[in-house]
Protein backbone atom coordinates (compact mmCIF):
# COMPACT_ATOMS: atom_id res chain seq x y z
CA MET A 1 -23.79 15.58 18.71
CA GLY A 2 -24.58 18.81 16.84
CA ALA A 3 -22.17 20.79 14.72
CA THR A 4 -21.64 23.39 17.47
CA LEU A 5 -20.66 20.81 20.08
CA ARG A 6 -18.40 19.00 17.61
CA ALA A 7 -16.67 22.27 16.78
CA LEU A 8 -16.28 23.04 20.50
CA ARG A 9 -14.77 19.63 21.19
CA ALA A 10 -12.30 20.03 18.32
CA LEU A 11 -11.31 23.48 19.61
CA VAL A 12 -10.77 22.12 23.11
CA LEU A 13 -8.50 19.36 21.78
CA LEU A 14 -6.54 21.91 19.77
CA ALA A 15 -6.23 24.16 22.83
CA CYS A 16 -5.05 21.19 24.92
CA PHE A 17 -2.26 20.62 22.42
CA HIS A 18 -0.97 24.12 23.14
CA LEU A 19 -1.49 23.63 26.88
CA LEU A 20 0.60 20.45 26.67
CA GLY A 21 3.37 22.46 25.01
CA ILE A 22 3.20 25.13 27.70
CA ALA A 23 3.34 22.43 30.42
CA LEU A 24 6.42 20.84 28.86
CA LEU A 25 8.16 24.19 28.44
CA THR A 26 7.34 25.00 32.06
CA ALA A 27 8.82 21.66 33.17
CA LEU A 28 12.00 22.32 31.17
CA GLY A 29 12.24 25.81 32.66
CA ALA A 30 11.85 24.38 36.17
CA LEU A 31 14.68 21.91 35.54
CA ASP A 32 16.91 24.74 34.28
CA TRP A 33 16.11 26.81 37.36
CA ALA A 34 16.89 23.88 39.66
CA ALA A 35 20.16 23.27 37.85
CA HIS A 36 21.07 26.94 38.16
CA ARG A 37 20.45 26.84 41.90
CA TRP A 38 22.01 23.54 42.90
CA ALA A 39 23.95 21.84 40.08
CA PRO A 40 27.64 22.44 39.25
CA ALA A 41 28.17 24.99 36.49
CA GLY A 42 29.27 22.36 33.96
CA TRP A 43 26.20 20.17 34.49
CA ALA A 44 23.91 23.20 34.49
CA LEU A 45 25.29 24.34 31.12
CA LYS A 46 24.69 20.90 29.60
CA LEU A 47 21.12 20.90 30.90
CA TYR A 48 20.53 24.36 29.41
CA VAL A 49 21.60 23.07 26.00
CA VAL A 50 19.41 19.95 26.24
CA SER A 51 16.41 22.02 27.37
CA PHE A 52 16.86 24.41 24.47
CA LEU A 53 17.09 21.60 21.93
CA LEU A 54 13.95 19.96 23.35
CA ALA A 55 12.07 23.24 23.49
CA VAL A 56 12.60 24.13 19.81
CA PRO A 57 10.28 21.45 18.34
CA VAL A 58 7.66 22.20 21.00
CA VAL A 59 7.67 25.93 20.22
CA ARG A 60 7.68 25.35 16.46
CA GLY A 61 4.65 23.07 16.78
CA MET A 62 2.79 25.63 18.86
CA LEU A 63 3.55 28.47 16.45
CA MET A 64 2.30 26.63 13.37
CA LEU A 65 -0.63 28.98 12.88
CA ARG A 66 -2.40 27.20 10.06
CA THR A 67 -2.88 23.75 8.64
CA PRO A 68 -0.87 23.27 5.44
CA ARG A 69 -3.04 23.45 2.35
CA ASP A 70 -4.30 20.16 1.04
CA GLU A 71 -1.99 19.14 -1.77
CA GLY A 72 -4.76 16.97 -3.16
CA VAL A 73 -4.76 13.47 -4.50
CA ALA A 74 -3.03 12.73 -7.76
CA GLY A 75 -5.72 12.70 -10.38
CA VAL A 76 -7.52 14.64 -13.06
CA ALA A 77 -10.11 17.37 -12.65
CA VAL A 78 -13.01 16.95 -15.09
CA THR A 79 -15.49 19.60 -16.14
CA ASP A 80 -19.19 19.16 -16.82
CA THR A 81 -18.39 19.54 -20.52
CA GLU A 82 -16.03 16.54 -20.40
CA GLU A 83 -18.23 14.35 -18.18
CA PRO A 84 -21.78 15.74 -18.32
CA GLY A 85 -23.40 12.53 -17.08
CA LEU A 86 -21.23 12.31 -13.97
CA TRP A 87 -21.69 15.99 -13.12
CA ALA A 88 -25.46 15.76 -13.61
CA ALA A 89 -25.66 12.78 -11.23
CA VAL A 90 -23.54 14.52 -8.58
CA ARG A 91 -25.58 17.74 -8.76
CA GLU A 92 -28.85 15.84 -8.60
CA LEU A 93 -27.68 13.90 -5.54
CA ALA A 94 -26.38 17.05 -3.85
CA ALA A 95 -29.77 18.71 -4.34
CA ARG A 96 -31.52 15.71 -2.79
CA VAL A 97 -29.10 15.72 0.15
CA GLY A 98 -29.81 19.42 0.56
CA THR A 99 -26.27 20.68 0.20
CA ARG A 100 -24.13 22.62 -2.23
CA ALA A 101 -22.56 20.50 -4.96
CA PRO A 102 -18.75 20.19 -5.09
CA ASP A 103 -16.88 22.84 -7.05
CA GLU A 104 -14.54 20.25 -8.52
CA ILE A 105 -14.59 16.54 -9.34
CA ARG A 106 -11.21 14.81 -9.53
CA LEU A 107 -10.82 11.33 -10.95
CA THR A 108 -8.13 9.30 -9.18
CA ALA A 109 -6.45 5.90 -9.36
CA ASP A 110 -7.63 4.84 -5.88
CA MET A 111 -10.23 2.30 -4.84
CA ASN A 112 -11.94 5.03 -2.88
CA ALA A 113 -14.19 8.07 -2.93
CA ALA A 114 -13.84 11.10 -0.66
CA VAL A 115 -14.85 14.73 -0.24
CA THR A 116 -12.90 17.69 1.13
CA GLU A 117 -13.63 21.33 1.78
CA ASP A 118 -11.12 24.17 2.13
CA ALA A 119 -13.01 25.75 5.02
CA ARG A 120 -11.90 29.05 6.56
CA LEU A 121 -11.88 30.52 10.06
CA LEU A 122 -11.61 27.11 11.73
CA GLY A 123 -14.56 25.82 9.72
CA LEU A 124 -16.92 28.71 10.40
CA LEU A 125 -16.90 29.65 6.71
CA GLY A 126 -17.18 27.19 3.87
CA GLY A 127 -14.71 27.00 1.00
CA THR A 128 -13.90 25.13 -2.18
CA ARG A 129 -15.43 21.66 -2.23
CA ARG A 130 -13.81 18.75 -4.03
CA LEU A 131 -15.07 15.27 -4.75
CA TYR A 132 -12.40 12.62 -5.34
CA LEU A 133 -13.64 9.57 -7.24
CA GLY A 134 -11.41 6.54 -7.84
CA LEU A 135 -11.90 4.93 -11.23
CA PRO A 136 -11.01 1.41 -9.95
CA LEU A 137 -13.93 1.83 -7.52
CA VAL A 138 -16.22 2.88 -10.36
CA ALA A 139 -15.14 -0.24 -12.29
CA GLY A 140 -16.42 -2.50 -9.51
CA LEU A 141 -19.80 -0.87 -8.89
CA SER A 142 -23.15 -0.68 -10.60
CA GLU A 143 -24.63 2.72 -11.32
CA ALA A 144 -27.02 2.38 -8.38
CA GLN A 145 -24.14 1.46 -6.05
CA LEU A 146 -22.07 4.39 -7.29
CA ARG A 147 -24.97 6.75 -6.67
CA ALA A 148 -25.16 5.40 -3.12
CA VAL A 149 -21.44 6.00 -2.61
CA LEU A 150 -21.73 9.54 -3.98
CA ALA A 151 -24.78 10.25 -1.82
CA HIS A 152 -22.83 9.05 1.23
CA GLU A 153 -19.93 11.38 0.48
CA LEU A 154 -22.23 14.33 -0.22
CA GLY A 155 -23.97 13.56 3.07
CA HIS A 156 -20.76 14.61 4.82
CA TYR A 157 -21.20 18.05 3.27
CA GLY A 158 -24.78 18.25 4.45
CA ASN A 159 -23.75 17.42 8.02
CA SER A 160 -20.87 19.96 8.00
CA ASP A 161 -18.42 17.08 8.58
CA THR A 162 -15.89 18.33 6.03
CA ARG A 163 -16.10 21.91 7.25
CA LEU A 164 -15.49 21.05 10.91
CA SER A 165 -12.86 18.44 10.10
CA GLY A 166 -10.40 21.30 9.51
CA ILE A 167 -10.12 21.95 13.24
CA ALA A 168 -9.48 18.30 14.08
CA GLU A 169 -7.09 18.10 11.12
CA ARG A 170 -5.11 21.04 12.48
CA CYS A 171 -4.69 19.28 15.82
CA ARG A 172 -3.63 16.07 14.08
CA VAL A 173 -1.09 17.89 11.89
CA HIS A 174 0.29 19.79 14.87
CA VAL A 175 0.85 16.56 16.80
CA ALA A 176 2.24 14.65 13.81
CA ARG A 177 4.72 17.37 12.88
CA THR A 178 5.93 17.77 16.45
CA VAL A 179 6.43 14.00 16.77
CA ASP A 180 8.24 13.94 13.42
CA ARG A 181 10.63 16.66 14.55
CA PHE A 182 11.50 14.79 17.75
CA GLU A 183 11.96 11.51 15.83
CA GLU A 184 14.15 13.32 13.30
CA LYS A 185 16.27 14.81 16.07
CA SER A 186 16.59 11.40 17.69
CA GLY A 187 17.67 9.83 14.41
CA LEU A 188 20.28 12.50 13.77
CA THR A 189 21.66 12.12 17.30
CA ILE A 190 21.95 8.34 16.92
CA ALA A 191 23.61 8.68 13.50
CA LYS A 192 26.09 11.20 14.89
CA GLU A 193 26.95 8.96 17.82
CA ARG A 194 27.29 5.92 15.56
CA ALA A 195 29.66 7.81 13.26
CA ARG A 196 31.72 8.94 16.26
CA GLN A 197 32.03 5.39 17.61
CA GLU A 198 32.85 3.95 14.18
CA LYS A 199 35.58 6.55 13.70
CA LYS A 200 37.01 5.77 17.12
CA SER A 201 36.86 2.03 16.39
CA ALA A 202 38.68 2.54 13.07
CA LYS A 203 41.49 4.29 14.92
CA ARG A 204 41.77 1.32 17.29
CA VAL A 205 42.01 -1.09 14.35
CA ALA A 206 44.69 1.11 12.77
CA ARG A 207 46.73 0.78 15.98
CA GLY A 208 46.40 -3.01 15.85
CA LYS A 209 43.70 -3.28 18.49
CA SER A 210 40.37 -5.05 18.17
CA ALA A 211 37.37 -3.03 17.07
CA ARG A 212 34.65 -2.32 19.61
CA GLU A 213 31.00 -2.98 18.87
CA VAL A 214 28.99 0.15 18.13
CA ASP A 215 26.45 0.72 20.91
CA THR A 216 23.87 3.52 20.61
CA THR A 217 21.63 2.28 23.43
CA GLY A 218 20.09 5.24 25.22
CA VAL A 219 21.25 7.76 22.62
CA GLY A 220 18.44 10.15 21.67
CA PHE A 221 16.34 8.99 24.62
CA THR A 222 15.14 12.47 25.58
CA TYR A 223 13.90 13.15 22.05
CA ARG A 224 12.09 9.80 21.91
CA ALA A 225 10.54 10.42 25.32
CA MET A 226 9.15 13.75 24.15
CA ALA A 227 7.85 12.11 20.99
CA ARG A 228 6.06 9.46 23.08
CA ILE A 229 4.29 12.16 25.07
CA TYR A 230 2.91 13.77 21.94
CA THR A 231 2.10 10.39 20.40
CA ALA A 232 0.06 9.52 23.49
CA TYR A 233 -1.81 12.81 23.19
CA GLY A 234 -2.45 12.17 19.51
CA ARG A 235 -3.96 8.78 20.34
CA PHE A 236 -6.07 10.36 23.06
CA SER A 237 -7.43 13.01 20.68
CA MET A 238 -8.22 10.36 18.06
CA ARG A 239 -10.06 8.31 20.64
CA ALA A 240 -11.94 11.41 21.79
CA THR A 241 -13.22 12.12 18.28
CA GLN A 242 -13.67 8.52 17.18
CA SER A 243 -17.23 7.99 18.38
CA GLY A 244 -18.36 11.22 16.75
CA ALA A 245 -16.63 10.32 13.49
CA ARG A 246 -18.32 6.93 13.44
CA ARG A 247 -21.72 8.51 14.06
CA GLN A 248 -21.04 10.79 11.08
CA GLU A 249 -20.40 7.76 8.89
CA LEU A 250 -23.63 6.12 10.01
CA ALA A 251 -25.55 9.36 9.37
CA ALA A 252 -24.04 9.54 5.86
CA ASP A 253 -25.06 5.90 5.28
CA LEU A 254 -28.66 6.71 6.22
CA ALA A 255 -28.65 9.71 3.88
CA ALA A 256 -27.40 7.48 1.06
CA ALA A 257 -30.08 4.87 1.77
CA ARG A 258 -32.80 7.52 1.73
CA ILE A 259 -31.64 8.93 -1.60
CA ALA A 260 -30.13 6.01 -3.52
CA GLY A 261 -32.08 3.18 -1.93
CA ARG A 262 -31.49 0.86 1.00
CA ASP A 263 -30.47 -2.18 -1.05
CA ALA A 264 -28.10 -0.23 -3.33
CA THR A 265 -26.39 1.33 -0.31
CA THR A 266 -26.13 -1.99 1.50
CA SER A 267 -24.74 -3.78 -1.56
CA ALA A 268 -22.19 -0.98 -2.06
CA LEU A 269 -21.04 -1.32 1.54
CA ARG A 270 -20.74 -5.08 1.14
CA ALA A 271 -18.75 -4.64 -2.05
CA LEU A 272 -16.16 -2.18 -0.74
CA PRO A 273 -13.97 -4.54 1.37
CA ALA A 274 -13.99 -7.17 -1.40
CA LEU A 275 -13.16 -4.58 -4.07
CA ASP A 276 -10.34 -3.18 -1.95
CA SER A 277 -8.76 -6.63 -1.56
CA ALA A 278 -9.23 -7.38 -5.26
CA HIS A 279 -7.63 -4.08 -6.22
CA GLU A 280 -4.55 -4.69 -4.07
CA PHE A 281 -4.20 -8.17 -5.53
CA TYR A 282 -4.60 -6.83 -9.07
CA LEU A 283 -1.93 -4.17 -8.62
CA SER A 284 0.63 -6.59 -7.17
CA SER A 285 -0.09 -9.60 -9.38
CA TYR A 286 -1.05 -8.06 -12.71
CA ALA A 287 -0.56 -4.31 -13.19
CA THR A 288 3.00 -4.25 -11.81
CA LEU A 289 4.01 -7.74 -12.92
CA GLY A 290 6.53 -6.43 -15.45
CA VAL A 291 7.55 -3.13 -13.81
CA GLU A 292 10.82 -4.61 -12.55
CA PHE A 293 11.70 -5.38 -16.15
CA GLY A 294 10.49 -2.07 -17.61
CA MET A 295 7.10 -3.28 -18.90
CA LEU A 296 3.53 -2.09 -18.31
CA PRO A 297 0.06 -3.01 -19.63
CA PRO A 298 -1.44 -1.02 -22.52
CA ARG A 299 -2.38 2.60 -21.91
CA GLY A 300 -5.53 2.88 -19.87
CA GLU A 301 -5.13 -0.65 -18.50
CA VAL A 302 -2.75 0.01 -15.59
CA PHE A 303 -5.74 1.00 -13.46
CA GLY A 304 -8.53 -0.05 -15.82
CA GLY A 305 -7.39 -3.66 -16.12
CA VAL A 306 -8.94 -4.45 -12.74
CA ARG A 307 -12.22 -4.80 -14.66
CA HIS A 308 -10.97 -8.08 -16.20
CA LEU A 309 -10.15 -9.47 -12.77
CA LEU A 310 -13.49 -8.45 -11.29
CA ASP A 311 -15.38 -10.09 -14.16
CA ALA A 312 -13.38 -13.33 -14.02
CA ARG A 313 -13.60 -13.70 -10.24
CA ALA A 314 -17.20 -12.60 -9.75
CA GLU A 315 -18.12 -15.77 -7.86
CA GLU A 316 -15.13 -15.47 -5.54
CA LEU A 317 -15.93 -11.80 -4.88
CA ALA A 318 -19.56 -12.72 -4.11
CA GLY A 319 -18.30 -14.97 -1.34
CA MET A 320 -16.10 -12.20 0.02
CA ARG A 321 -19.07 -9.81 0.08
CA ALA A 322 -20.92 -12.24 2.32
CA ALA A 323 -18.08 -12.32 4.87
CA LEU A 324 -18.13 -8.77 6.23
CA PRO A 325 -15.41 -7.43 8.55
CA ALA A 326 -16.84 -7.33 12.07
CA GLU A 327 -13.96 -5.32 13.50
CA PRO A 328 -12.61 -1.88 12.49
CA ALA A 329 -9.45 -1.73 10.38
CA SER A 330 -7.59 -0.19 13.35
CA PRO A 331 -8.44 0.98 16.89
CA TYR A 332 -8.43 4.54 15.54
CA ASP A 333 -10.47 3.92 12.39
CA SER A 334 -13.08 6.66 11.92
CA HIS A 335 -15.43 4.19 10.20
CA PRO A 336 -17.55 1.66 12.12
CA PRO A 337 -17.07 -2.01 11.17
CA THR A 338 -18.75 -2.79 7.86
CA ALA A 339 -20.92 -5.47 9.46
CA GLU A 340 -22.31 -2.88 11.90
CA ARG A 341 -23.06 -0.40 9.11
CA VAL A 342 -24.84 -3.04 7.03
CA ALA A 343 -26.87 -4.19 10.05
CA VAL A 344 -28.13 -0.62 10.61
CA LEU A 345 -29.25 -0.36 7.01
CA ASP A 346 -30.81 -3.84 6.94
CA ALA A 347 -33.01 -2.76 9.85
CA LEU A 348 -34.62 -0.09 7.65
CA PRO A 349 -37.96 -0.87 6.01
CA ASP A 350 -37.89 -2.10 2.41
CA ASP A 351 -38.18 0.89 0.07
CA GLY A 352 -39.09 -1.21 -2.96
CA ARG A 353 -36.02 -0.20 -4.98
CA GLY A 354 -34.14 -3.46 -4.76
CA THR A 355 -35.26 -4.76 -8.15
CA GLU A 356 -33.78 -1.94 -10.22
CA GLU A 357 -31.83 -3.22 -13.24
CA PRO A 358 -28.08 -3.06 -12.54
CA ARG A 359 -26.15 -0.94 -15.01
CA PRO A 360 -22.36 -0.47 -15.00
CA ALA A 361 -21.29 2.66 -13.14
CA PHE A 362 -19.07 3.60 -16.07
CA GLY A 363 -22.31 4.25 -17.93
CA LEU A 364 -22.29 7.72 -16.32
CA PHE A 365 -19.02 8.49 -18.12
CA ALA A 366 -18.76 9.91 -21.61
CA SER A 367 -15.64 7.85 -22.33
CA PRO A 368 -14.37 5.49 -19.62
CA GLU A 369 -11.28 4.57 -21.65
CA ALA A 370 -10.31 8.22 -22.12
CA ALA A 371 -10.82 8.90 -18.40
CA LEU A 372 -8.67 5.89 -17.42
CA THR A 373 -5.92 6.99 -19.78
CA ARG A 374 -5.94 10.55 -18.46
CA VAL A 375 -5.76 9.38 -14.85
CA GLU A 376 -2.95 6.99 -15.73
CA ASP A 377 -0.94 9.73 -17.43
CA ALA A 378 -1.42 12.04 -14.43
CA THR A 379 -0.64 9.41 -11.78
CA LEU A 380 2.30 7.37 -13.06
CA THR A 381 5.83 8.63 -12.57
CA PRO A 382 7.75 9.99 -15.58
CA GLU A 383 9.91 6.86 -15.48
CA ALA A 384 6.86 4.58 -15.58
CA LEU A 385 5.35 6.49 -18.49
CA LEU A 386 8.44 5.68 -20.55
CA MET A 387 8.19 1.93 -19.96
CA ARG A 388 7.43 -0.47 -22.79
CA ARG A 389 3.70 -1.20 -23.24
CA LEU A 390 2.55 -4.72 -24.06
CA ASP A 391 -0.88 -6.28 -24.41
CA TRP A 392 -1.85 -8.51 -21.50
CA PRO A 393 -0.93 -11.97 -22.93
CA GLU A 394 2.47 -10.73 -24.11
CA LEU A 395 3.07 -8.87 -20.84
CA VAL A 396 2.44 -11.99 -18.79
CA HIS A 397 4.66 -14.18 -20.98
CA GLU A 398 7.60 -11.77 -21.12
CA SER A 399 7.39 -10.81 -17.45
CA MET A 400 7.25 -14.40 -16.20
CA THR A 401 10.06 -15.41 -18.56
CA ALA A 402 12.24 -12.54 -17.39
CA ARG A 403 11.52 -13.46 -13.78
CA TYR A 404 12.54 -17.09 -14.32
CA VAL A 405 15.72 -16.02 -16.09
CA GLN A 406 16.45 -13.67 -13.20
CA ASP A 407 15.86 -16.49 -10.70
CA THR A 408 18.65 -18.51 -12.33
CA GLU A 409 21.20 -15.95 -11.15
CA PRO A 410 22.18 -17.96 -8.01
CA VAL A 411 23.05 -20.95 -10.23
CA ARG A 412 25.04 -18.69 -12.54
CA ALA A 413 27.00 -17.34 -9.55
CA ALA A 414 27.51 -20.80 -8.04
CA LEU A 415 28.87 -22.14 -11.35
CA GLY A 416 31.12 -19.12 -11.73
CA ALA A 417 29.70 -18.51 -15.20
CA THR A 418 30.36 -15.11 -16.80
CA ASP A 419 27.11 -14.20 -18.51
CA PRO A 420 25.73 -17.05 -20.60
CA GLY A 421 22.18 -17.26 -21.83
CA PRO A 422 19.72 -19.70 -20.23
CA ALA A 423 20.54 -22.47 -22.74
CA ASP A 424 24.31 -22.27 -22.17
CA LEU A 425 23.80 -22.06 -18.41
CA PHE A 426 21.61 -25.14 -18.52
CA ASP A 427 24.25 -27.07 -20.46
CA GLY A 428 26.89 -26.02 -17.96
CA PHE A 429 24.73 -27.19 -15.07
CA LEU A 430 24.14 -30.56 -16.77
CA ASP A 431 27.88 -30.88 -17.29
CA ALA A 432 28.35 -30.34 -13.56
CA VAL A 433 25.82 -33.09 -12.86
CA ASP A 434 27.71 -35.45 -15.18
CA ALA A 435 31.02 -34.55 -13.56
CA GLY A 436 29.65 -35.15 -10.06
CA THR A 437 30.21 -31.53 -8.98
CA ALA A 438 26.55 -30.48 -9.02
CA TRP A 439 26.26 -31.22 -5.29
CA ASP A 440 29.00 -28.69 -4.60
CA VAL A 441 27.15 -26.17 -6.78
CA VAL A 442 23.93 -26.81 -4.86
CA GLY A 443 25.81 -26.31 -1.60
CA ARG A 444 26.69 -22.78 -2.71
CA LEU A 445 23.06 -21.88 -3.41
CA PRO A 446 20.88 -20.03 -0.87
CA MET A 447 19.15 -22.47 1.47
CA SER A 448 16.84 -22.47 4.45
CA GLU A 449 18.14 -22.66 8.02
CA GLU A 450 16.79 -26.19 8.29
CA ALA A 451 18.62 -27.28 5.14
CA ALA A 452 21.85 -25.61 6.27
CA ALA A 453 21.72 -27.41 9.63
CA ALA A 454 20.94 -30.83 8.12
CA THR A 455 23.61 -33.55 7.99
CA GLY A 456 23.99 -37.01 6.48
CA ARG A 457 21.04 -38.42 4.56
CA ALA A 458 18.78 -35.47 5.43
CA ALA A 459 21.29 -33.05 3.92
CA ARG A 460 21.49 -35.21 0.80
CA GLU A 461 17.69 -35.13 0.38
CA PHE A 462 17.60 -31.36 0.82
CA ALA A 463 20.31 -31.07 -1.83
CA ARG A 464 18.45 -33.45 -4.16
CA THR A 465 15.28 -31.38 -3.88
CA SER A 466 17.22 -28.18 -4.53
CA LEU A 467 18.95 -29.70 -7.56
CA ARG A 468 15.64 -30.79 -9.07
CA ARG A 469 14.09 -27.37 -8.49
CA GLU A 470 16.98 -25.54 -10.14
CA LEU A 471 17.07 -27.90 -13.13
CA ALA A 472 13.32 -27.43 -13.64
CA ARG A 473 13.67 -23.67 -13.34
CA LEU A 474 16.50 -23.56 -15.87
CA MET A 475 14.58 -25.78 -18.29
CA THR A 476 11.54 -23.47 -17.98
CA ALA A 477 13.70 -20.41 -18.61
CA VAL A 478 15.21 -22.03 -21.72
CA LEU A 479 11.89 -23.11 -23.21
CA ALA A 480 10.09 -19.85 -22.44
CA SER A 481 13.00 -17.74 -23.74
CA ASP A 482 13.11 -19.44 -27.14
CA GLY A 483 9.33 -19.57 -27.48
CA ARG A 484 8.79 -23.33 -27.23
CA ALA A 485 6.84 -22.84 -24.01
CA ARG A 486 4.40 -20.02 -23.37
CA TRP A 487 3.16 -18.42 -20.17
CA GLN A 488 -0.62 -18.19 -20.31
CA LEU A 489 -2.61 -15.25 -18.92
CA SER A 490 -5.49 -16.13 -16.62
CA TRP A 491 -7.64 -13.64 -14.72
CA SER A 492 -9.12 -16.37 -12.53
CA ALA A 493 -5.93 -18.27 -11.60
CA PRO A 494 -2.15 -17.81 -11.54
CA ALA A 495 -0.30 -17.74 -14.86
CA SER A 496 0.41 -21.24 -16.18
CA LEU A 497 3.13 -22.55 -18.48
CA LEU A 498 1.94 -24.16 -21.70
CA LEU A 499 4.51 -26.83 -22.64
CA PRO A 500 4.83 -28.70 -25.95
CA ASP A 501 2.50 -31.68 -26.31
CA GLY A 502 3.49 -34.67 -24.19
CA TYR A 503 6.32 -32.74 -22.61
CA ALA A 504 5.17 -32.53 -18.97
CA ALA A 505 5.33 -36.28 -18.19
CA ALA A 506 8.63 -36.74 -20.03
CA LEU A 507 10.12 -33.80 -18.16
CA ASP A 508 9.28 -35.31 -14.78
CA ASP A 509 10.97 -38.58 -15.71
CA ALA A 510 14.04 -36.78 -17.10
CA LEU A 511 14.41 -34.69 -13.94
CA ASP A 512 14.13 -37.80 -11.75
CA ALA A 513 16.91 -39.44 -13.80
CA ALA A 514 19.18 -36.42 -13.41
CA ILE A 515 18.93 -36.32 -9.59
CA SER A 516 19.11 -40.08 -8.95
CA ASP A 517 21.97 -41.71 -7.05
CA HIS A 518 23.45 -42.50 -10.45
CA PRO A 519 22.68 -39.27 -12.34
CA ASP A 520 21.82 -39.52 -16.01
CA THR A 521 21.38 -36.22 -17.87
CA GLU A 522 20.88 -37.79 -21.28
CA PRO A 523 17.04 -37.80 -21.05
CA LEU A 524 17.06 -34.08 -20.32
CA ARG A 525 19.48 -33.35 -23.14
CA LYS A 526 17.47 -35.42 -25.62
CA LEU A 527 14.20 -33.88 -24.47
CA LEU A 528 15.56 -30.40 -24.98
CA ALA A 529 17.01 -31.29 -28.39
CA THR A 530 13.93 -33.10 -29.72
CA THR A 531 11.61 -30.22 -28.88
CA ALA A 532 13.87 -27.65 -30.49
């Protein structure tokens, strides 16, 4: 489909949004007229009020004359003086695509690359072009793969995709904002009704009567119904433009293969799903490991540290690249399944560029470390920037230790302890075992539904397992807190606890003795004392 037909389709969808609003306003007006003619005055007045309240979001959505300006992605704009190599590559690729180069390159913290254009007059006139390039993505690609990704994004410029996307974006924003207003109105109505019922129930309790259960069933139904209508239209418009959007992606893939090489483009496509999964895992398991306790990796490593993970798990990532997603991420995804995109490129003739020596994509940057630090400073919240910075081994040890100490809180509460350190808490728990009250303590700890429902011998075994787990956790917290045990950083496996020599086997035996039918805590006490 050519640019003219795509623009016409987007305009029709935008016009249909306004026609939907007119149809709904007409329906509300017809109901008001019918109420005026045949309904009692009281009912008619109520219907007038409801119609007015429903009409306001519809009218506001229709009168939103322009799409809000793109607020941009958090990141750092770099000039050709700061990153001459990157700018030279982008300009060269743009020339080969046959399109104008972006006016701005912004480095971001995302595992993604994208282009935008602030087009005017519904996309008839071009505007400022921006290229967004995620540094975590750069960290996982070779230079040839990065050039393929950049050529793909610039291909969207050459096909006028970014210029015409403004019309479709306006329709999407119109629908989303109208739905949001109806959902907001529904939420406020429910909250108001809940508050009214709770106030009424409180008065009943004050008079010595039983409180009534708050019931908001059906409250805000009209707002939700209107929201569903617009949501259905939004889904329809996304479906209507989906096939065209997917063809645009395939066209951009072919442009990238022509310019950067078939094999480089294919390998980049294969890498993207694996890199995305690796990045999510890195952020949750490494970068933010100590955030809860006010700790972060060294400067430049919050987003740059993913390089260590990618290097250490190269074999695992290679396996993930071979297993391509055969289905789209969602029914409304504008991108075809990765397996389909790779199959299209694999069908192209060999261009002889598959043997090029792989060089790190960061080779295009004047100073990768400086770029990562600048992006980090621009992306993190002010509170995060004030957190304590530790090198990776120390961060892992202190974060895991703090987490284990935190996890002993249920035992502290069950024992009724004020605020002892891990060592004192451990002694107190051992005293409870010696006194025979540890089972009562375990009974006050959080447990699964199955454990709570168990009786007799089964309940005793659940309690024994829980007691052993809590003793082991407390012992770990004590040893890690005083430095006798050390949490070890690993980029290829979960963090592991390094215990003193010969300690692991002795610990198992001591824990078994403490949870036996005739508990004996002396082995645990001696073990802790002899390793001090």
